[in-house]
Every structure is written in C-alpha cells, then in structure tokens.
C-alpha cells in the first residue's frame, strides 16, 4: 500500500492527495520491516524479471529521489549479497536452467 501511494503521489504531482490508512501506524507489525528482503530475478516471464529489476533500482536510488526534500529516512539497508538456488537432479535442474 505505501509503495503504491508513493508512486501515485509522484505520478500525480500536486493534483492528487494520497493517504495510506494503516491499522498499525507505527508499522511495528507490518510485513515489510519483518521480511528477509530477498528479491528474486530468476523467473520464466520477462515481466516478472523487469518488475524485480525495477524494485532493486528503486530501493537503491528511486526512493531517495522520490523523497528528496522530505524529512524521511530512505535508507532501507538493502544490500546485494547474492542468492543460492538449489534444484534436484533431473526435471528440477532442467527447469531451473531453462528459466
């Protein structure tokens, strides 16, 4: 919800006021701060790969750019450390190599 609100606000400029209604205003129990933060790039559909690549770039620079001039901490502590993907021999390995 917050990401959509941020993007809508950026797209609309001052023509649109966007609000996020959140039961937990502190975001203490929200899923985003509790996630491990992994972003996959291995998909069989190009659109999913493009979405992942956009997400990575957004976390690196986009959030900071969108929030320029605002009193917002944009450091989400995103670090690219790699990914380990395992597959069973045979069909699992074949599928992973193809995608």
C-alpha atoms as a PDB file:
ATOM      1  CA  UNK A   1       0.000   0.000   0.000  1.00  0.00           C
ATOM      2  CA  UNK A   2       2.707   2.509   0.910  1.00  0.00           C
ATOM      3  CA  UNK A   3       4.646   1.872  -2.278  1.00  0.00           C
ATOM      4  CA  UNK A   4       1.540   2.322  -4.407  1.00  0.00           C
ATOM      5  CA  UNK A   5       0.696   5.529  -2.548  1.00  0.00           C
ATOM      6  CA  UNK A   6       4.217   6.860  -3.072  1.00  0.00           C
ATOM      7  CA  UNK A   7       4.151   6.091  -6.796  1.00  0.00           C
ATOM      8  CA  UNK A   8       0.649   7.543  -7.271  1.00  0.00           C
ATOM      9  CA  UNK A   9       1.694  10.689  -5.471  1.00  0.00           C
ATOM     10  CA  UNK A  10       4.775  11.033  -7.680  1.00  0.00           C
ATOM     11  CA  UNK A  11       2.795  10.464 -10.873  1.00  0.00           C
ATOM     12  CA  UNK A  12       0.041  12.916  -9.981  1.00  0.00           C
ATOM     13  CA  UNK A  13       2.229  15.657  -8.580  1.00  0.00           C
ATOM     14  CA  UNK A  14       0.210  18.175  -6.601  1.00  0.00           C
ATOM     15  CA  UNK A  15      -3.053  17.326  -8.394  1.00  0.00           C
ATOM     16  CA  UNK A  16      -3.785  14.397  -6.093  1.00  0.00           C
ATOM     17  CA  UNK A  17      -3.564  13.896  -2.350  1.00  0.00           C
ATOM     18  CA  UNK A  18      -2.832  10.299  -1.406  1.00  0.00           C
ATOM     19  CA  UNK A  19      -3.295   8.802   2.048  1.00  0.00           C
ATOM     20  CA  UNK A  20      -2.428   5.381   3.455  1.00  0.00           C
ATOM     21  CA  UNK A  21      -4.817   4.105   6.092  1.00  0.00           C
ATOM     22  CA  UNK A  22      -2.886   1.678   8.272  1.00  0.00           C
ATOM     23  CA  UNK A  23      -4.209  -0.036  11.377  1.00  0.00           C
ATOM     24  CA  UNK A  24      -0.679  -0.139  12.828  1.00  0.00           C
ATOM     25  CA  UNK A  25       0.547   3.451  12.378  1.00  0.00           C
ATOM     26  CA  UNK A  26       3.980   2.562  13.794  1.00  0.00           C
ATOM     27  CA  UNK A  27       4.391  -0.261  11.219  1.00  0.00           C
ATOM     28  CA  UNK A  28       5.754  -2.361  14.086  1.00  0.00           C
ATOM     29  CA  UNK A  29       3.727  -5.396  12.987  1.00  0.00           C
ATOM     30  CA  UNK A  30       3.727  -4.699   9.241  1.00  0.00           C
ATOM     31  CA  UNK A  31       5.171  -7.350   6.951  1.00  0.00           C
ATOM     32  CA  UNK A  32       7.711  -5.160   5.112  1.00  0.00           C
ATOM     33  CA  UNK A  33      10.050  -4.465   8.060  1.00  0.00           C
ATOM     34  CA  UNK A  34       9.846  -8.123   9.073  1.00  0.00           C
ATOM     35  CA  UNK A  35      10.789  -9.597   5.697  1.00  0.00           C
ATOM     36  CA  UNK A  36      14.195 -11.022   4.898  1.00  0.00           C
ATOM     37  CA  UNK A  37      14.353  -8.658   1.935  1.00  0.00           C
ATOM     38  CA  UNK A  38      15.288 -11.073  -0.819  1.00  0.00           C
ATOM     39  CA  UNK A  39      14.462 -10.086  -4.393  1.00  0.00           C
ATOM     40  CA  UNK A  40      14.421 -12.855  -6.973  1.00  0.00           C
ATOM     41  CA  UNK A  41      15.430 -12.203 -10.561  1.00  0.00           C
ATOM     42  CA  UNK A  42      15.089 -15.730 -11.902  1.00  0.00           C
ATOM     43  CA  UNK A  43      11.646 -16.040 -13.468  1.00  0.00           C
ATOM     44  CA  UNK A  44      10.258 -17.589 -16.619  1.00  0.00           C
ATOM     45  CA  UNK A  45       8.236 -14.492 -17.589  1.00  0.00           C
ATOM     46  CA  UNK A  46      10.127 -11.368 -18.702  1.00  0.00           C
ATOM     47  CA  UNK A  47       7.615  -9.058 -16.984  1.00  0.00           C
ATOM     48  CA  UNK A  48       8.462 -10.614 -13.599  1.00  0.00           C
ATOM     49  CA  UNK A  49      12.165 -10.096 -14.223  1.00  0.00           C
ATOM     50  CA  UNK A  50      11.519  -6.458 -15.189  1.00  0.00           C
ATOM     51  CA  UNK A  51       9.483  -5.894 -12.006  1.00  0.00           C
ATOM     52  CA  UNK A  52      12.294  -7.335  -9.883  1.00  0.00           C
ATOM     53  CA  UNK A  53      14.930  -5.212 -11.619  1.00  0.00           C
ATOM     54  CA  UNK A  54      12.773  -2.108 -11.124  1.00  0.00           C
ATOM     55  CA  UNK A  55      12.363  -2.973  -7.438  1.00  0.00           C
ATOM     56  CA  UNK A  56      16.107  -3.298  -6.953  1.00  0.00           C
ATOM     57  CA  UNK A  57      16.823   0.022  -8.665  1.00  0.00           C
ATOM     58  CA  UNK A  58      14.016   1.689  -6.701  1.00  0.00           C
ATOM     59  CA  UNK A  59      15.491   0.514  -3.409  1.00  0.00           C
ATOM     60  CA  UNK A  60      18.960   1.715  -4.453  1.00  0.00           C
ATOM     61  CA  UNK A  61      18.088   5.200  -5.728  1.00  0.00           C
ATOM     62  CA  UNK A  62      14.406   5.658  -6.538  1.00  0.00           C
ATOM     63  CA  UNK A  63      13.115   6.041  -3.006  1.00  0.00           C
ATOM     64  CA  UNK A  64      15.759   8.656  -2.236  1.00  0.00           C
ATOM     65  CA  UNK A  65      14.879  10.550  -5.427  1.00  0.00           C
ATOM     66  CA  UNK A  66      11.121  10.433  -4.789  1.00  0.00           C
ATOM     67  CA  UNK A  67      11.526  11.626  -1.200  1.00  0.00           C
ATOM     68  CA  UNK A  68      14.006  14.419  -1.939  1.00  0.00           C
ATOM     69  CA  UNK A  69      13.215  17.437   0.207  1.00  0.00           C
ATOM     70  CA  UNK A  70      11.155  15.432   2.694  1.00  0.00           C
ATOM     71  CA  UNK A  71      12.137  14.568   6.244  1.00  0.00           C
ATOM     72  CA  UNK A  72      12.127  10.824   5.523  1.00  0.00           C
ATOM     73  CA  UNK A  73      14.804   8.220   6.186  1.00  0.00           C
ATOM     74  CA  UNK A  74      15.181   6.476   2.828  1.00  0.00           C
ATOM     75  CA  UNK A  75      17.935   4.037   3.842  1.00  0.00           C
ATOM     76  CA  UNK A  76      16.174   0.672   3.716  1.00  0.00           C
ATOM     77  CA  UNK A  77      19.508  -1.094   4.343  1.00  0.00           C
ATOM     78  CA  UNK A  78      19.274  -3.006   1.066  1.00  0.00           C
ATOM     79  CA  UNK A  79      22.428  -4.995   0.393  1.00  0.00           C
ATOM     80  CA  UNK A  80      23.004  -7.284  -2.577  1.00  0.00           C
ATOM     81  CA  UNK A  81      24.698 -10.395  -1.257  1.00  0.00           C
ATOM     82  CA  UNK A  82      23.689 -12.990  -3.818  1.00  0.00           C
ATOM     83  CA  UNK A  83      21.273 -15.871  -3.853  1.00  0.00           C
ATOM     84  CA  UNK A  84      21.691 -19.622  -3.556  1.00  0.00           C
ATOM     85  CA  UNK A  85      19.226 -21.685  -5.542  1.00  0.00           C
ATOM     86  CA  UNK A  86      19.242 -25.474  -5.370  1.00  0.00           C
ATOM     87  CA  UNK A  87      17.487 -27.928  -7.637  1.00  0.00           C
ATOM     88  CA  UNK A  88      17.121 -31.677  -7.624  1.00  0.00           C
ATOM     89  CA  UNK A  89      18.819 -33.590 -10.458  1.00  0.00           C
ATOM     90  CA  UNK A  90      16.665 -34.258 -13.499  1.00  0.00           C
ATOM     91  CA  UNK A  91      13.477 -32.255 -14.065  1.00  0.00           C
ATOM     92  CA  UNK A  92      14.183 -29.738 -11.283  1.00  0.00           C
ATOM     93  CA  UNK A  93      17.647 -28.936 -12.644  1.00  0.00           C
ATOM     94  CA  UNK A  94      16.345 -28.750 -16.219  1.00  0.00           C
ATOM     95  CA  UNK A  95      13.580 -26.334 -15.253  1.00  0.00           C
ATOM     96  CA  UNK A  96      15.974 -24.108 -13.312  1.00  0.00           C
ATOM     97  CA  UNK A  97      18.467 -23.955 -16.176  1.00  0.00           C
ATOM     98  CA  UNK A  98      15.724 -23.091 -18.691  1.00  0.00           C
ATOM     99  CA  UNK A  99      14.360 -20.271 -16.561  1.00  0.00           C
END
